[in-house]
């Protein structure tokens, strides 16, 4: 899954105070923002679309292995790749 970075403007003093008090509780501000975004995503995006996104962002499956047919030709054994 490819990730993006958000850049927002917010009051510097409020941000510093928020980060300080969250750190006192051993809470990461970035983690709280991600939790909020995940909740907003679930509340806003229809479940059918979320399912599609989940399927689309799942790890790509490996291509099926090539099948080899071994057939004798003129008393010689050769391998053909299909």
PDB file of N, CA and C in Angstrom:
ATOM      1  N   UNK A   1       0.852  -1.169   0.000  1.00  0.00           N
ATOM      2  CA  UNK A   1       0.000   0.000   0.000  1.00  0.00           C
ATOM      3  C   UNK A   1       0.899   1.233   0.000  1.00  0.00           C
ATOM      4  N   UNK A   2       0.620   2.118  -0.913  1.00  0.00           N
ATOM      5  CA  UNK A   2       1.366   3.354  -1.020  1.00  0.00           C
ATOM      6  C   UNK A   2       0.774   4.370  -0.037  1.00  0.00           C
ATOM      7  N   UNK A   3       1.620   5.161   0.603  1.00  0.00           N
ATOM      8  CA  UNK A   3       1.146   6.129   1.588  1.00  0.00           C
ATOM      9  C   UNK A   3       1.412   7.544   1.108  1.00  0.00           C
ATOM     10  N   UNK A   4       0.612   8.489   1.630  1.00  0.00           N
ATOM     11  CA  UNK A   4       0.802   9.900   1.321  1.00  0.00           C
ATOM     12  C   UNK A   4       1.062  10.658   2.624  1.00  0.00           C
ATOM     13  N   UNK A   5       1.512  11.878   2.490  1.00  0.00           N
ATOM     14  CA  UNK A   5       1.754  12.733   3.647  1.00  0.00           C
ATOM     15  C   UNK A   5       0.829  13.939   3.564  1.00  0.00           C
ATOM     16  N   UNK A   6       0.130  14.230   4.660  1.00  0.00           N
ATOM     17  CA  UNK A   6      -0.698  15.422   4.749  1.00  0.00           C
ATOM     18  C   UNK A   6       0.129  16.539   5.370  1.00  0.00           C
ATOM     19  N   UNK A   7      -0.091  17.734   4.906  1.00  0.00           N
ATOM     20  CA  UNK A   7       0.543  18.907   5.488  1.00  0.00           C
ATOM     21  C   UNK A   7      -0.565  19.898   5.811  1.00  0.00           C
ATOM     22  N   UNK A   8      -0.676  20.271   7.104  1.00  0.00           N
ATOM     23  CA  UNK A   8      -1.727  21.197   7.511  1.00  0.00           C
ATOM     24  C   UNK A   8      -1.113  22.352   8.283  1.00  0.00           C
ATOM     25  N   UNK A   9      -1.849  23.439   8.331  1.00  0.00           N
ATOM     26  CA  UNK A   9      -1.451  24.584   9.142  1.00  0.00           C
ATOM     27  C   UNK A   9      -2.364  24.641  10.351  1.00  0.00           C
ATOM     28  N   UNK A  10      -1.744  24.826  11.532  1.00  0.00           N
ATOM     29  CA  UNK A  10      -2.513  24.925  12.765  1.00  0.00           C
ATOM     30  C   UNK A  10      -1.717  25.777  13.738  1.00  0.00           C
ATOM     31  N   UNK A  11      -2.372  26.303  14.729  1.00  0.00           N
ATOM     32  CA  UNK A  11      -1.737  27.164  15.710  1.00  0.00           C
ATOM     33  C   UNK A  11      -0.555  26.450  16.376  1.00  0.00           C
ATOM     34  N   UNK A  12       0.614  27.062  16.303  1.00  0.00           N
ATOM     35  CA  UNK A  12       1.846  26.449  16.819  1.00  0.00           C
ATOM     36  C   UNK A  12       1.801  26.219  18.329  1.00  0.00           C
ATOM     37  N   UNK A  13       1.267  27.173  19.074  1.00  0.00           N
ATOM     38  CA  UNK A  13       1.206  27.037  20.531  1.00  0.00           C
ATOM     39  C   UNK A  13       0.246  25.921  20.949  1.00  0.00           C
ATOM     40  N   UNK A  14      -0.895  25.839  20.263  1.00  0.00           N
ATOM     41  CA  UNK A  14      -1.830  24.757  20.555  1.00  0.00           C
ATOM     42  C   UNK A  14      -1.208  23.396  20.234  1.00  0.00           C
ATOM     43  N   UNK A  15      -0.500  23.331  19.120  1.00  0.00           N
ATOM     44  CA  UNK A  15       0.138  22.075  18.723  1.00  0.00           C
ATOM     45  C   UNK A  15       1.189  21.650  19.740  1.00  0.00           C
ATOM     46  N   UNK A  16       1.986  22.597  20.210  1.00  0.00           N
ATOM     47  CA  UNK A  16       3.015  22.285  21.194  1.00  0.00           C
ATOM     48  C   UNK A  16       2.393  21.810  22.506  1.00  0.00           C
ATOM     49  N   UNK A  17       1.325  22.498  22.957  1.00  0.00           N
ATOM     50  CA  UNK A  17       0.654  22.107  24.194  1.00  0.00           C
ATOM     51  C   UNK A  17       0.022  20.725  24.050  1.00  0.00           C
ATOM     52  N   UNK A  18      -0.634  20.493  22.933  1.00  0.00           N
ATOM     53  CA  UNK A  18      -1.261  19.192  22.704  1.00  0.00           C
ATOM     54  C   UNK A  18      -0.216  18.084  22.712  1.00  0.00           C
ATOM     55  N   UNK A  19       0.862  18.286  21.993  1.00  0.00           N
ATOM     56  CA  UNK A  19       1.909  17.269  21.923  1.00  0.00           C
ATOM     57  C   UNK A  19       2.516  17.017  23.313  1.00  0.00           C
ATOM     58  N   UNK A  20       2.743  18.074  24.083  1.00  0.00           N
ATOM     59  CA  UNK A  20       3.324  17.940  25.413  1.00  0.00           C
ATOM     60  C   UNK A  20       2.424  17.097  26.325  1.00  0.00           C
ATOM     61  N   UNK A  21       1.122  17.401  26.337  1.00  0.00           N
ATOM     62  CA  UNK A  21       0.227  16.666  27.233  1.00  0.00           C
ATOM     63  C   UNK A  21      -0.015  15.229  26.761  1.00  0.00           C
ATOM     64  N   UNK A  22      -0.019  15.006  25.454  1.00  0.00           N
ATOM     65  CA  UNK A  22      -0.132  13.641  24.958  1.00  0.00           C
ATOM     66  C   UNK A  22       1.109  12.828  25.323  1.00  0.00           C
ATOM     67  N   UNK A  23       2.277  13.442  25.207  1.00  0.00           N
ATOM     68  CA  UNK A  23       3.524  12.736  25.552  1.00  0.00           C
ATOM     69  C   UNK A  23       3.565  12.361  27.031  1.00  0.00           C
ATOM     70  N   UNK A  24       2.990  13.213  27.905  1.00  0.00           N
ATOM     71  CA  UNK A  24       2.924  12.884  29.325  1.00  0.00           C
ATOM     72  C   UNK A  24       2.106  11.611  29.555  1.00  0.00           C
ATOM     73  N   UNK A  25       1.161  11.363  28.678  1.00  0.00           N
ATOM     74  CA  UNK A  25       0.328  10.159  28.779  1.00  0.00           C
ATOM     75  C   UNK A  25       0.874   9.031  27.898  1.00  0.00           C
ATOM     76  N   UNK A  26       2.072   9.243  27.347  1.00  0.00           N
ATOM     77  CA  UNK A  26       2.726   8.264  26.461  1.00  0.00           C
ATOM     78  C   UNK A  26       1.871   7.960  25.235  1.00  0.00           C
ATOM     79  N   UNK A  27       1.304   9.019  24.676  1.00  0.00           N
ATOM     80  CA  UNK A  27       0.471   8.902  23.479  1.00  0.00           C
ATOM     81  C   UNK A  27       1.144   9.694  22.362  1.00  0.00           C
ATOM     82  N   UNK A  28       1.210   9.098  21.203  1.00  0.00           N
ATOM     83  CA  UNK A  28       1.830   9.732  20.040  1.00  0.00           C
ATOM     84  C   UNK A  28       0.770  10.524  19.270  1.00  0.00           C
ATOM     85  N   UNK A  29       1.042  11.793  19.011  1.00  0.00           N
ATOM     86  CA  UNK A  29       0.100  12.642  18.290  1.00  0.00           C
ATOM     87  C   UNK A  29      -0.198  12.082  16.899  1.00  0.00           C
ATOM     88  N   UNK A  30       0.830  11.617  16.210  1.00  0.00           N
ATOM     89  CA  UNK A  30       0.638  11.068  14.861  1.00  0.00           C
ATOM     90  C   UNK A  30      -0.291   9.854  14.895  1.00  0.00           C
ATOM     91  N   UNK A  31      -0.133   9.003  15.922  1.00  0.00           N
ATOM     92  CA  UNK A  31      -1.009   7.836  16.055  1.00  0.00           C
ATOM     93  C   UNK A  31      -2.463   8.266  16.260  1.00  0.00           C
ATOM     94  N   UNK A  32      -2.683   9.309  17.072  1.00  0.00           N
ATOM     95  CA  UNK A  32      -4.043   9.800  17.311  1.00  0.00           C
ATOM     96  C   UNK A  32      -4.650  10.388  16.033  1.00  0.00           C
ATOM     97  N   UNK A  33      -3.836  11.069  15.249  1.00  0.00           N
ATOM     98  CA  UNK A  33      -4.324  11.632  13.989  1.00  0.00           C
ATOM     99  C   UNK A  33      -4.707  10.504  13.035  1.00  0.00           C
ATOM    100  N   UNK A  34      -3.893   9.460  12.960  1.00  0.00           N
ATOM    101  CA  UNK A  34      -4.191   8.314  12.094  1.00  0.00           C
ATOM    102  C   UNK A  34      -5.474   7.624  12.562  1.00  0.00           C
ATOM    103  N   UNK A  35      -5.648   7.466  13.872  1.00  0.00           N
ATOM    104  CA  UNK A  35      -6.892   6.882  14.402  1.00  0.00           C
ATOM    105  C   UNK A  35      -8.099   7.713  13.976  1.00  0.00           C
ATOM    106  N   UNK A  36      -7.960   9.033  14.077  1.00  0.00           N
ATOM    107  CA  UNK A  36      -9.051   9.918  13.677  1.00  0.00           C
ATOM    108  C   UNK A  36      -9.363   9.760  12.191  1.00  0.00           C
ATOM    109  N   UNK A  37      -8.320   9.753  11.347  1.00  0.00           N
ATOM    110  CA  UNK A  37      -8.524   9.609   9.909  1.00  0.00           C
ATOM    111  C   UNK A  37      -9.169   8.269   9.560  1.00  0.00           C
ATOM    112  N   UNK A  38      -8.737   7.200  10.250  1.00  0.00           N
ATOM    113  CA  UNK A  38      -9.342   5.884  10.020  1.00  0.00           C
ATOM    114  C   UNK A  38     -10.833   5.904  10.358  1.00  0.00           C
ATOM    115  N   UNK A  39     -11.185   6.529  11.477  1.00  0.00           N
ATOM    116  CA  UNK A  39     -12.590   6.635  11.868  1.00  0.00           C
ATOM    117  C   UNK A  39     -13.388   7.474  10.887  1.00  0.00           C
ATOM    118  N   UNK A  40     -12.816   8.579  10.448  1.00  0.00           N
ATOM    119  CA  UNK A  40     -13.480   9.444   9.469  1.00  0.00           C
ATOM    120  C   UNK A  40     -13.686   8.698   8.155  1.00  0.00           C
ATOM    121  N   UNK A  41     -12.698   7.928   7.760  1.00  0.00           N
ATOM    122  CA  UNK A  41     -12.790   7.112   6.539  1.00  0.00           C
ATOM    123  C   UNK A  41     -13.935   6.118   6.646  1.00  0.00           C
ATOM    124  N   UNK A  42     -14.024   5.429   7.781  1.00  0.00           N
ATOM    125  CA  UNK A  42     -15.079   4.428   7.980  1.00  0.00           C
ATOM    126  C   UNK A  42     -16.463   5.085   7.995  1.00  0.00           C
ATOM    127  N   UNK A  43     -16.582   6.257   8.634  1.00  0.00           N
ATOM    128  CA  UNK A  43     -17.868   6.944   8.706  1.00  0.00           C
ATOM    129  C   UNK A  43     -18.280   7.545   7.364  1.00  0.00           C
ATOM    130  N   UNK A  44     -17.322   7.912   6.532  1.00  0.00           N
ATOM    131  CA  UNK A  44     -17.613   8.670   5.325  1.00  0.00           C
ATOM    132  C   UNK A  44     -17.688   7.824   4.060  1.00  0.00           C
ATOM    133  N   UNK A  45     -16.776   6.881   3.906  1.00  0.00           N
ATOM    134  CA  UNK A  45     -16.684   6.095   2.671  1.00  0.00           C
ATOM    135  C   UNK A  45     -17.609   4.882   2.777  1.00  0.00           C
ATOM    136  N   UNK A  46     -18.474   4.666   1.781  1.00  0.00           N
ATOM    137  CA  UNK A  46     -19.384   3.511   1.816  1.00  0.00           C
ATOM    138  C   UNK A  46     -18.609   2.188   1.907  1.00  0.00           C
ATOM    139  N   UNK A  47     -19.218   1.209   2.566  1.00  0.00           N
ATOM    140  CA  UNK A  47     -18.533  -0.062   2.800  1.00  0.00           C
ATOM    141  C   UNK A  47     -18.142  -0.773   1.510  1.00  0.00           C
ATOM    142  N   UNK A  48     -18.955  -0.662   0.467  1.00  0.00           N
ATOM    143  CA  UNK A  48     -18.605  -1.310  -0.802  1.00  0.00           C
ATOM    144  C   UNK A  48     -17.321  -0.712  -1.373  1.00  0.00           C
ATOM    145  N   UNK A  49     -17.164   0.592  -1.231  1.00  0.00           N
ATOM    146  CA  UNK A  49     -15.949   1.252  -1.717  1.00  0.00           C
ATOM    147  C   UNK A  49     -14.756   0.858  -0.848  1.00  0.00           C
ATOM    148  N   UNK A  50     -14.969   0.787   0.473  1.00  0.00           N
ATOM    149  CA  UNK A  50     -13.875   0.367   1.368  1.00  0.00           C
ATOM    150  C   UNK A  50     -13.432  -1.051   1.025  1.00  0.00           C
ATOM    151  N   UNK A  51     -14.394  -1.951   0.747  1.00  0.00           N
ATOM    152  CA  UNK A  51     -14.046  -3.323   0.367  1.00  0.00           C
ATOM    153  C   UNK A  51     -13.237  -3.332  -0.918  1.00  0.00           C
ATOM    154  N   UNK A  52     -13.633  -2.510  -1.884  1.00  0.00           N
ATOM    155  CA  UNK A  52     -12.896  -2.423  -3.142  1.00  0.00           C
ATOM    156  C   UNK A  52     -11.466  -1.929  -2.892  1.00  0.00           C
ATOM    157  N   UNK A  53     -11.335  -0.893  -2.091  1.00  0.00           N
ATOM    158  CA  UNK A  53     -10.012  -0.350  -1.789  1.00  0.00           C
ATOM    159  C   UNK A  53      -9.157  -1.402  -1.079  1.00  0.00           C
ATOM    160  N   UNK A  54      -9.756  -2.139  -0.150  1.00  0.00           N
ATOM    161  CA  UNK A  54      -9.026  -3.196   0.558  1.00  0.00           C
ATOM    162  C   UNK A  54      -8.534  -4.264  -0.415  1.00  0.00           C
ATOM    163  N   UNK A  55      -9.395  -4.676  -1.339  1.00  0.00           N
ATOM    164  CA  UNK A  55      -8.995  -5.683  -2.322  1.00  0.00           C
ATOM    165  C   UNK A  55      -7.909  -5.150  -3.245  1.00  0.00           C
ATOM    166  N   UNK A  56      -8.069  -3.905  -3.644  1.00  0.00           N
ATOM    167  CA  UNK A  56      -7.110  -3.290  -4.562  1.00  0.00           C
ATOM    168  C   UNK A  56      -5.744  -3.094  -3.907  1.00  0.00           C
ATOM    169  N   UNK A  57      -5.733  -2.766  -2.615  1.00  0.00           N
ATOM    170  CA  UNK A  57      -4.470  -2.487  -1.943  1.00  0.00           C
ATOM    171  C   UNK A  57      -3.829  -3.730  -1.326  1.00  0.00           C
ATOM    172  N   UNK A  58      -4.517  -4.879  -1.434  1.00  0.00           N
ATOM    173  CA  UNK A  58      -3.936  -6.124  -0.920  1.00  0.00           C
ATOM    174  C   UNK A  58      -2.671  -6.449  -1.708  1.00  0.00           C
ATOM    175  N   UNK A  59      -1.807  -7.213  -1.086  1.00  0.00           N
ATOM    176  CA  UNK A  59      -0.542  -7.576  -1.742  1.00  0.00           C
ATOM    177  C   UNK A  59      -0.832  -8.278  -3.060  1.00  0.00           C
ATOM    178  N   UNK A  60      -0.123  -7.881  -4.112  1.00  0.00           N
ATOM    179  CA  UNK A  60      -0.354  -8.539  -5.397  1.00  0.00           C
ATOM    180  C   UNK A  60       0.044 -10.007  -5.338  1.00  0.00           C
ATOM    181  N   UNK A  61      -0.771 -10.828  -5.979  1.00  0.00           N
ATOM    182  CA  UNK A  61      -0.503 -12.253  -5.975  1.00  0.00           C
ATOM    183  C   UNK A  61       0.552 -12.565  -7.015  1.00  0.00           C
ATOM    184  N   UNK A  62       1.342 -13.585  -6.727  1.00  0.00           N
ATOM    185  CA  UNK A  62       2.363 -14.002  -7.666  1.00  0.00           C
ATOM    186  C   UNK A  62       1.705 -14.594  -8.908  1.00  0.00           C
ATOM    187  N   UNK A  63       2.368 -14.416 -10.048  1.00  0.00           N
ATOM    188  CA  UNK A  63       1.880 -15.016 -11.286  1.00  0.00           C
ATOM    189  C   UNK A  63       1.974 -16.531 -11.167  1.00  0.00           C
ATOM    190  N   UNK A  64       1.025 -17.239 -11.741  1.00  0.00           N
ATOM    191  CA  UNK A  64       1.082 -18.695 -11.646  1.00  0.00           C
ATOM    192  C   UNK A  64       2.352 -19.230 -12.304  1.00  0.00           C
ATOM    193  N   UNK A  65       2.840 -20.298 -11.736  1.00  0.00           N
ATOM    194  CA  UNK A  65       4.059 -20.912 -12.270  1.00  0.00           C
ATOM    195  C   UNK A  65       3.767 -21.481 -13.651  1.00  0.00           C
ATOM    196  N   UNK A  66       4.795 -21.493 -14.485  1.00  0.00           N
ATOM    197  CA  UNK A  66       4.642 -22.067 -15.818  1.00  0.00           C
ATOM    198  C   UNK A  66       4.483 -23.574 -15.692  1.00  0.00           C
ATOM    199  N   UNK A  67       3.610 -24.101 -16.504  1.00  0.00           N
ATOM    200  CA  UNK A  67       3.349 -25.541 -16.498  1.00  0.00           C
ATOM    201  C   UNK A  67       4.241 -26.186 -17.552  1.00  0.00           C
ATOM    202  N   UNK A  68       4.910 -27.232 -17.167  1.00  0.00           N
ATOM    203  CA  UNK A  68       5.779 -27.927 -18.101  1.00  0.00           C
ATOM    204  C   UNK A  68       5.156 -29.252 -18.488  1.00  0.00           C
ATOM    205  N   UNK A  69       5.095 -29.497 -19.789  1.00  0.00           N
ATOM    206  CA  UNK A  69       4.637 -30.785 -20.299  1.00  0.00           C
ATOM    207  C   UNK A  69       5.858 -31.546 -20.793  1.00  0.00           C
ATOM    208  N   UNK A  70       6.011 -32.731 -20.317  1.00  0.00           N
ATOM    209  CA  UNK A  70       7.124 -33.572 -20.753  1.00  0.00           C
ATOM    210  C   UNK A  70       6.550 -34.609 -21.711  1.00  0.00           C
ATOM    211  N   UNK A  71       6.966 -34.502 -22.947  1.00  0.00           N
ATOM    212  CA  UNK A  71       6.479 -35.441 -23.953  1.00  0.00           C
ATOM    213  C   UNK A  71       7.664 -36.037 -24.701  1.00  0.00           C
ATOM    214  N   UNK A  72       7.648 -37.340 -24.925  1.00  0.00           N
ATOM    215  CA  UNK A  72       8.741 -37.962 -25.678  1.00  0.00           C
ATOM    216  C   UNK A  72       8.617 -37.642 -27.162  1.00  0.00           C
ATOM    217  N   UNK A  73       9.754 -37.345 -27.800  1.00  0.00           N
ATOM    218  CA  UNK A  73       9.804 -37.085 -29.232  1.00  0.00           C
ATOM    219  C   UNK A  73      10.930 -37.911 -29.838  1.00  0.00           C
ATOM    220  N   UNK A  74      10.594 -38.746 -30.758  1.00  0.00           N
ATOM    221  CA  UNK A  74      11.590 -39.528 -31.488  1.00  0.00           C
ATOM    222  C   UNK A  74      12.602 -40.186 -30.557  1.00  0.00           C
ATOM    223  N   UNK A  75      12.128 -40.872 -29.568  1.00  0.00           N
ATOM    224  CA  UNK A  75      12.963 -41.582 -28.596  1.00  0.00           C
ATOM    225  C   UNK A  75      13.814 -40.656 -27.743  1.00  0.00           C
ATOM    226  N   UNK A  76      13.574 -39.361 -27.789  1.00  0.00           N
ATOM    227  CA  UNK A  76      14.312 -38.425 -26.939  1.00  0.00           C
ATOM    228  C   UNK A  76      13.309 -37.740 -26.011  1.00  0.00           C
ATOM    229  N   UNK A  77      13.694 -37.544 -24.757  1.00  0.00           N
ATOM    230  CA  UNK A  77      12.837 -36.830 -23.827  1.00  0.00           C
ATOM    231  C   UNK A  77      13.224 -35.352 -23.841  1.00  0.00           C
ATOM    232  N   UNK A  78      12.259 -34.495 -24.145  1.00  0.00           N
ATOM    233  CA  UNK A  78      12.507 -33.055 -24.137  1.00  0.00           C
ATOM    234  C   UNK A  78      11.455 -32.410 -23.253  1.00  0.00           C
ATOM    235  N   UNK A  79      11.784 -31.240 -22.785  1.00  0.00           N
ATOM    236  CA  UNK A  79      10.876 -30.493 -21.938  1.00  0.00           C
ATOM    237  C   UNK A  79      10.379 -29.290 -22.693  1.00  0.00           C
ATOM    238  N   UNK A  80       9.068 -29.118 -22.720  1.00  0.00           N
ATOM    239  CA  UNK A  80       8.469 -27.957 -23.382  1.00  0.00           C
ATOM    240  C   UNK A  80       7.801 -27.093 -22.306  1.00  0.00           C
ATOM    241  N   UNK A  81       7.921 -25.814 -22.443  1.00  0.00           N
ATOM    242  CA  UNK A  81       7.259 -24.889 -21.538  1.00  0.00           C
ATOM    243  C   UNK A  81       6.039 -24.327 -22.236  1.00  0.00           C
ATOM    244  N   UNK A  82       4.879 -24.408 -21.561  1.00  0.00           N
ATOM    245  CA  UNK A  82       3.639 -23.922 -22.135  1.00  0.00           C
ATOM    246  C   UNK A  82       3.347 -22.564 -21.578  1.00  0.00           C
TER     247      UNK A  82
END
